[in-house]
Amino acid sequence: MTARLIRFNKPYGVLSQFTPEGRWRGLKDFIDLPGVYVAGRLDADSEGLLLLTDDGALQARISDPRHKMEKTYWVQVEGMPDDGALDALRCGVRLNDGPTLPARVRRLDPPPALWPRDPPIRVRQQIPDCWIELVIREGRNRQVRRMTAAVGHPTLRLVRAAIGPYTLDGLAPGRWEEVAAPRKSYQKQS
């Protein structure tokens, strides 16, 4: 039996679980597929690519940092990070739970063509903002937000654009589609 793999463009305000909590909606408002589970998490106040599968080994392969599957984020930050801030991210920054692994980072100019966020981000007319692309192999709690804050540029908007080879391309917010799952080579052979 072939594993199912779903890519979903998670809107702002949606949890990475099927059950809603408090003011946040759950995935059941968007995906009505029995037997699929989230592979990795994305905070309710973050947007973008979420993968779901019905295969436990594939779920572990996608979400476990030991497998080093890259995650690409488009991050709108407050201020204009200079080369020193970007180099700090490239080298790894110290967070309260230890140093991060080195990341790949670059400015996105022009910014990515994205849908409007609902609600919109806060805008401060006296402080500019810019977009960066940050690629990491870890998955700590709120890691990208903590990394940008550690270099003096708080995150205003966070969109996960890719997980390994899977991207948001052509997928509107709140929409999902089934994609070809990788072969079972990720499972241990006996």
C-alpha atoms as a PDB file:
ATOM      1  CA  MET A   1       0.000   0.000   0.000  1.00  0.00           C
ATOM      2  CA  THR A   2       1.329   3.419  -0.980  1.00  0.00           C
ATOM      3  CA  ALA A   3       1.615   6.104   1.666  1.00  0.00           C
ATOM      4  CA  ARG A   4      -0.548   9.192   1.319  1.00  0.00           C
ATOM      5  CA  LEU A   5       1.206  12.526   1.437  1.00  0.00           C
ATOM      6  CA  ILE A   6      -0.732  15.792   1.573  1.00  0.00           C
ATOM      7  CA  ARG A   7       0.693  19.287   1.186  1.00  0.00           C
ATOM      8  CA  PHE A   8      -1.398  22.025   2.770  1.00  0.00           C
ATOM      9  CA  ASN A   9      -0.993  25.806   2.741  1.00  0.00           C
ATOM     10  CA  LYS A  10      -1.834  26.579   6.359  1.00  0.00           C
ATOM     11  CA  PRO A  11      -3.372  30.023   6.844  1.00  0.00           C
ATOM     12  CA  TYR A  12      -2.610  32.309   9.772  1.00  0.00           C
ATOM     13  CA  GLY A  13      -4.667  31.393  12.845  1.00  0.00           C
ATOM     14  CA  VAL A  14      -4.826  27.643  12.192  1.00  0.00           C
ATOM     15  CA  LEU A  15      -3.251  25.100  14.527  1.00  0.00           C
ATOM     16  CA  SER A  16      -1.163  22.141  13.311  1.00  0.00           C
ATOM     17  CA  GLN A  17      -3.789  19.783  14.723  1.00  0.00           C
ATOM     18  CA  PHE A  18      -7.304  18.854  13.761  1.00  0.00           C
ATOM     19  CA  THR A  19      -8.971  20.092  16.943  1.00  0.00           C
ATOM     20  CA  PRO A  20      -9.495  23.855  17.422  1.00  0.00           C
ATOM     21  CA  GLU A  21      -8.393  25.483  20.685  1.00  0.00           C
ATOM     22  CA  GLY A  22      -9.479  28.845  22.028  1.00  0.00           C
ATOM     23  CA  ARG A  23      -9.397  31.449  19.257  1.00  0.00           C
ATOM     24  CA  TRP A  24      -7.427  29.209  16.858  1.00  0.00           C
ATOM     25  CA  ARG A  25      -9.043  27.020  14.208  1.00  0.00           C
ATOM     26  CA  GLY A  26      -8.071  23.405  13.618  1.00  0.00           C
ATOM     27  CA  LEU A  27      -7.165  21.514  10.450  1.00  0.00           C
ATOM     28  CA  LYS A  28     -10.597  19.831  10.378  1.00  0.00           C
ATOM     29  CA  ASP A  29     -11.963  23.116   8.987  1.00  0.00           C
ATOM     30  CA  PHE A  30      -9.875  22.494   5.857  1.00  0.00           C
ATOM     31  CA  ILE A  31      -8.983  18.804   5.557  1.00  0.00           C
ATOM     32  CA  ASP A  32     -11.512  16.000   5.861  1.00  0.00           C
ATOM     33  CA  LEU A  33      -9.312  12.949   5.375  1.00  0.00           C
ATOM     34  CA  PRO A  34      -9.398  10.163   7.946  1.00  0.00           C
ATOM     35  CA  GLY A  35      -6.116   8.634   9.023  1.00  0.00           C
ATOM     36  CA  VAL A  36      -3.670  11.415   8.080  1.00  0.00           C
ATOM     37  CA  TYR A  37      -1.477  13.120  10.646  1.00  0.00           C
ATOM     38  CA  VAL A  38       0.720  16.203  10.659  1.00  0.00           C
ATOM     39  CA  ALA A  39       4.421  15.633   9.949  1.00  0.00           C
ATOM     40  CA  GLY A  40       6.034  18.491  11.874  1.00  0.00           C
ATOM     41  CA  ARG A  41       4.425  21.582  13.292  1.00  0.00           C
ATOM     42  CA  LEU A  42       3.852  25.175  12.327  1.00  0.00           C
ATOM     43  CA  ASP A  43       2.688  27.703  14.923  1.00  0.00           C
ATOM     44  CA  ALA A  44      -0.819  29.129  14.639  1.00  0.00           C
ATOM     45  CA  ASP A  45       0.632  32.586  13.961  1.00  0.00           C
ATOM     46  CA  SER A  46       2.800  31.240  11.123  1.00  0.00           C
ATOM     47  CA  GLU A  47       1.652  30.398   7.614  1.00  0.00           C
ATOM     48  CA  GLY A  48       2.653  28.107   4.823  1.00  0.00           C
ATOM     49  CA  LEU A  49       3.528  24.544   4.010  1.00  0.00           C
ATOM     50  CA  LEU A  50       2.373  21.758   6.269  1.00  0.00           C
ATOM     51  CA  LEU A  51       2.737  18.098   5.292  1.00  0.00           C
ATOM     52  CA  LEU A  52       0.388  15.355   6.444  1.00  0.00           C
ATOM     53  CA  THR A  53       0.670  11.605   5.922  1.00  0.00           C
ATOM     54  CA  ASP A  54      -0.879   8.306   6.931  1.00  0.00           C
ATOM     55  CA  ASP A  55       2.543   6.626   7.190  1.00  0.00           C
ATOM     56  CA  GLY A  56       4.256   6.770  10.597  1.00  0.00           C
ATOM     57  CA  ALA A  57       7.766   6.155   9.242  1.00  0.00           C
ATOM     58  CA  LEU A  58       7.356   8.915   6.661  1.00  0.00           C
ATOM     59  CA  GLN A  59       5.953  11.221   9.335  1.00  0.00           C
ATOM     60  CA  ALA A  60       9.090  10.631  11.437  1.00  0.00           C
ATOM     61  CA  ARG A  61      11.380  11.091   8.434  1.00  0.00           C
ATOM     62  CA  ILE A  62       9.841  14.494   7.654  1.00  0.00           C
ATOM     63  CA  SER A  63       9.626  15.843  11.195  1.00  0.00           C
ATOM     64  CA  ASP A  64      12.670  14.429  13.000  1.00  0.00           C
ATOM     65  CA  PRO A  65      15.664  16.823  12.857  1.00  0.00           C
ATOM     66  CA  ARG A  66      18.044  13.831  12.842  1.00  0.00           C
ATOM     67  CA  HIS A  67      17.061  13.276   9.204  1.00  0.00           C
ATOM     68  CA  LYS A  68      18.139  16.842   8.380  1.00  0.00           C
ATOM     69  CA  MET A  69      15.292  17.594   5.988  1.00  0.00           C
ATOM     70  CA  GLU A  70      15.688  21.279   5.162  1.00  0.00           C
ATOM     71  CA  LYS A  71      12.881  23.691   5.914  1.00  0.00           C
ATOM     72  CA  THR A  72      12.768  26.962   3.992  1.00  0.00           C
ATOM     73  CA  TYR A  73      11.111  30.009   5.522  1.00  0.00           C
ATOM     74  CA  TRP A  74      10.311  33.419   4.087  1.00  0.00           C
ATOM     75  CA  VAL A  75      10.546  35.833   6.985  1.00  0.00           C
ATOM     76  CA  GLN A  76       9.453  39.463   7.044  1.00  0.00           C
ATOM     77  CA  VAL A  77      11.571  41.100   9.732  1.00  0.00           C
ATOM     78  CA  GLU A  78      11.577  44.469  11.384  1.00  0.00           C
ATOM     79  CA  GLY A  79      14.473  46.640  10.271  1.00  0.00           C
ATOM     80  CA  MET A  80      17.071  46.017   7.582  1.00  0.00           C
ATOM     81  CA  PRO A  81      19.482  43.236   8.628  1.00  0.00           C
ATOM     82  CA  ASP A  82      23.068  44.113   7.745  1.00  0.00           C
ATOM     83  CA  ASP A  83      25.736  41.629   6.690  1.00  0.00           C
ATOM     84  CA  GLY A  84      26.725  41.118  10.340  1.00  0.00           C
ATOM     85  CA  ALA A  85      23.209  39.992  11.303  1.00  0.00           C
ATOM     86  CA  LEU A  86      22.976  37.675   8.296  1.00  0.00           C
ATOM     87  CA  ASP A  87      26.440  36.242   9.020  1.00  0.00           C
ATOM     88  CA  ALA A  88      25.394  35.555  12.626  1.00  0.00           C
ATOM     89  CA  LEU A  89      22.427  33.519  11.337  1.00  0.00           C
ATOM     90  CA  ARG A  90      24.741  31.691   8.923  1.00  0.00           C
ATOM     91  CA  CYS A  91      27.084  30.743  11.761  1.00  0.00           C
ATOM     92  CA  GLY A  92      24.350  29.824  14.238  1.00  0.00           C
ATOM     93  CA  VAL A  93      23.053  31.999  17.056  1.00  0.00           C
ATOM     94  CA  ARG A  94      22.850  31.298  20.765  1.00  0.00           C
ATOM     95  CA  LEU A  95      19.310  30.859  22.067  1.00  0.00           C
ATOM     96  CA  ASN A  96      18.221  30.163  25.634  1.00  0.00           C
ATOM     97  CA  ASP A  97      18.123  26.416  24.819  1.00  0.00           C
ATOM     98  CA  GLY A  98      21.581  26.394  23.210  1.00  0.00           C
ATOM     99  CA  PRO A  99      23.169  27.383  19.915  1.00  0.00           C
ATOM    100  CA  THR A 100      21.415  26.784  16.627  1.00  0.00           C
ATOM    101  CA  LEU A 101      23.024  24.972  13.761  1.00  0.00           C
ATOM    102  CA  PRO A 102      24.327  27.164  10.943  1.00  0.00           C
ATOM    103  CA  ALA A 103      21.585  28.313   8.581  1.00  0.00           C
ATOM    104  CA  ARG A 104      21.489  29.451   4.994  1.00  0.00           C
ATOM    105  CA  VAL A 105      20.142  32.971   4.684  1.00  0.00           C
ATOM    106  CA  ARG A 106      19.706  35.624   2.021  1.00  0.00           C
ATOM    107  CA  ARG A 107      17.737  38.812   1.510  1.00  0.00           C
ATOM    108  CA  LEU A 108      14.672  38.453  -0.719  1.00  0.00           C
ATOM    109  CA  ASP A 109      14.596  41.438  -3.027  1.00  0.00           C
ATOM    110  CA  PRO A 110      12.005  41.768  -4.384  1.00  0.00           C
ATOM    111  CA  PRO A 111       9.889  40.271  -1.595  1.00  0.00           C
ATOM    112  CA  PRO A 112       8.025  37.041  -2.348  1.00  0.00           C
ATOM    113  CA  ALA A 113       4.664  37.451  -4.090  1.00  0.00           C
ATOM    114  CA  LEU A 114       2.322  36.331  -1.315  1.00  0.00           C
ATOM    115  CA  TRP A 115      -1.350  36.541  -0.496  1.00  0.00           C
ATOM    116  CA  PRO A 116      -2.460  39.240   1.963  1.00  0.00           C
ATOM    117  CA  ARG A 117      -2.399  38.079   5.564  1.00  0.00           C
ATOM    118  CA  ASP A 118      -5.631  38.175   7.539  1.00  0.00           C
ATOM    119  CA  PRO A 119      -5.231  39.990   9.875  1.00  0.00           C
ATOM    120  CA  PRO A 120      -2.479  42.168   8.388  1.00  0.00           C
ATOM    121  CA  ILE A 121       0.834  42.509  10.206  1.00  0.00           C
ATOM    122  CA  ARG A 122       1.437  45.583  12.324  1.00  0.00           C
ATOM    123  CA  VAL A 123       3.206  48.295  10.364  1.00  0.00           C
ATOM    124  CA  ARG A 124       5.381  50.939  12.002  1.00  0.00           C
ATOM    125  CA  GLN A 125       5.925  53.825   9.629  1.00  0.00           C
ATOM    126  CA  GLN A 126       9.200  54.887  11.270  1.00  0.00           C
ATOM    127  CA  ILE A 127      10.808  51.409  11.039  1.00  0.00           C
ATOM    128  CA  PRO A 128      11.474  49.734   7.683  1.00  0.00           C
ATOM    129  CA  ASP A 129      11.110  46.014   7.165  1.00  0.00           C
ATOM    130  CA  CYS A 130      12.492  43.478   4.727  1.00  0.00           C
ATOM    131  CA  TRP A 131      12.172  39.831   3.732  1.00  0.00           C
ATOM    132  CA  ILE A 132      14.808  37.167   4.180  1.00  0.00           C
ATOM    133  CA  GLU A 133      14.896  33.505   3.252  1.00  0.00           C
ATOM    134  CA  LEU A 134      16.112  31.291   6.087  1.00  0.00           C
ATOM    135  CA  VAL A 135      16.856  27.587   5.568  1.00  0.00           C
ATOM    136  CA  ILE A 136      17.310  25.440   8.674  1.00  0.00           C
ATOM    137  CA  ARG A 137      17.549  21.727   9.482  1.00  0.00           C
ATOM    138  CA  GLU A 138      16.297  21.934  13.054  1.00  0.00           C
ATOM    139  CA  GLY A 139      12.797  22.347  14.393  1.00  0.00           C
ATOM    140  CA  ARG A 140      12.851  23.876  17.854  1.00  0.00           C
ATOM    141  CA  ASN A 141       9.838  25.650  19.280  1.00  0.00           C
ATOM    142  CA  ARG A 142       9.462  29.058  17.584  1.00  0.00           C
ATOM    143  CA  GLN A 143      13.056  28.757  16.407  1.00  0.00           C
ATOM    144  CA  VAL A 144      12.958  31.088  13.399  1.00  0.00           C
ATOM    145  CA  ARG A 145      11.297  33.858  15.409  1.00  0.00           C
ATOM    146  CA  ARG A 146      13.846  33.455  18.194  1.00  0.00           C
ATOM    147  CA  MET A 147      16.743  33.452  15.710  1.00  0.00           C
ATOM    148  CA  THR A 148      15.714  36.700  14.022  1.00  0.00           C
ATOM    149  CA  ALA A 149      15.087  38.338  17.415  1.00  0.00           C
ATOM    150  CA  ALA A 150      18.547  37.209  18.586  1.00  0.00           C
ATOM    151  CA  VAL A 151      20.142  39.233  15.771  1.00  0.00           C
ATOM    152  CA  GLY A 152      17.983  42.293  16.499  1.00  0.00           C
ATOM    153  CA  HIS A 153      15.268  41.856  13.855  1.00  0.00           C
ATOM    154  CA  PRO A 154      11.953  40.583  15.242  1.00  0.00           C
ATOM    155  CA  THR A 155       9.776  38.548  12.901  1.00  0.00           C
ATOM    156  CA  LEU A 156       6.661  40.287  11.589  1.00  0.00           C
ATOM    157  CA  ARG A 157       5.421  37.527   9.281  1.00  0.00           C
ATOM    158  CA  LEU A 158       6.606  33.942   8.864  1.00  0.00           C
ATOM    159  CA  VAL A 159       5.778  31.700   5.896  1.00  0.00           C
ATOM    160  CA  ARG A 160       7.205  28.198   5.462  1.00  0.00           C
ATOM    161  CA  ALA A 161       7.871  27.911   1.734  1.00  0.00           C
ATOM    162  CA  ALA A 162       9.321  24.391   1.550  1.00  0.00           C
ATOM    163  CA  ILE A 163      10.065  21.190   3.428  1.00  0.00           C
ATOM    164  CA  GLY A 164      12.766  19.278   1.577  1.00  0.00           C
ATOM    165  CA  PRO A 165      11.569  18.917  -2.028  1.00  0.00           C
ATOM    166  CA  TYR A 166       7.955  19.890  -1.239  1.00  0.00           C
ATOM    167  CA  THR A 167       6.965  23.531  -1.813  1.00  0.00           C
ATOM    168  CA  LEU A 168       3.989  25.869  -1.646  1.00  0.00           C
ATOM    169  CA  ASP A 169       4.101  26.449  -5.414  1.00  0.00           C
ATOM    170  CA  GLY A 170       0.603  26.884  -6.856  1.00  0.00           C
ATOM    171  CA  LEU A 171      -1.188  26.212  -3.571  1.00  0.00           C
ATOM    172  CA  ALA A 172      -3.509  28.947  -2.263  1.00  0.00           C
ATOM    173  CA  PRO A 173      -3.970  29.474   1.501  1.00  0.00           C
ATOM    174  CA  GLY A 174      -6.382  26.958   3.007  1.00  0.00           C
ATOM    175  CA  ARG A 175      -5.974  24.544   0.071  1.00  0.00           C
ATOM    176  CA  TRP A 176      -4.425  21.090   0.030  1.00  0.00           C
ATOM    177  CA  GLU A 177      -3.481  18.486  -2.532  1.00  0.00           C
ATOM    178  CA  GLU A 178      -2.177  14.952  -2.486  1.00  0.00           C
ATOM    179  CA  VAL A 179       1.343  14.550  -3.867  1.00  0.00           C
ATOM    180  CA  ALA A 180       3.469  11.532  -4.654  1.00  0.00           C
ATOM    181  CA  ALA A 181       5.032  10.146  -1.497  1.00  0.00           C
ATOM    182  CA  PRO A 182       8.664   9.065  -1.658  1.00  0.00           C
ATOM    183  CA  ARG A 183       9.387   5.389  -2.045  1.00  0.00           C
ATOM    184  CA  LYS A 184       9.763   3.338   1.087  1.00  0.00           C
ATOM    185  CA  SER A 185      13.564   3.742   1.030  1.00  0.00           C
ATOM    186  CA  TYR A 186      13.243   5.821   4.214  1.00  0.00           C
ATOM    187  CA  GLN A 187      12.254   2.668   6.133  1.00  0.00           C
ATOM    188  CA  LYS A 188      14.862   0.302   7.488  1.00  0.00           C
ATOM    189  CA  GLN A 189      15.327  -2.753   5.342  1.00  0.00           C
ATOM    190  CA  SER A 190      15.545  -6.133   7.067  1.00  0.00           C
END
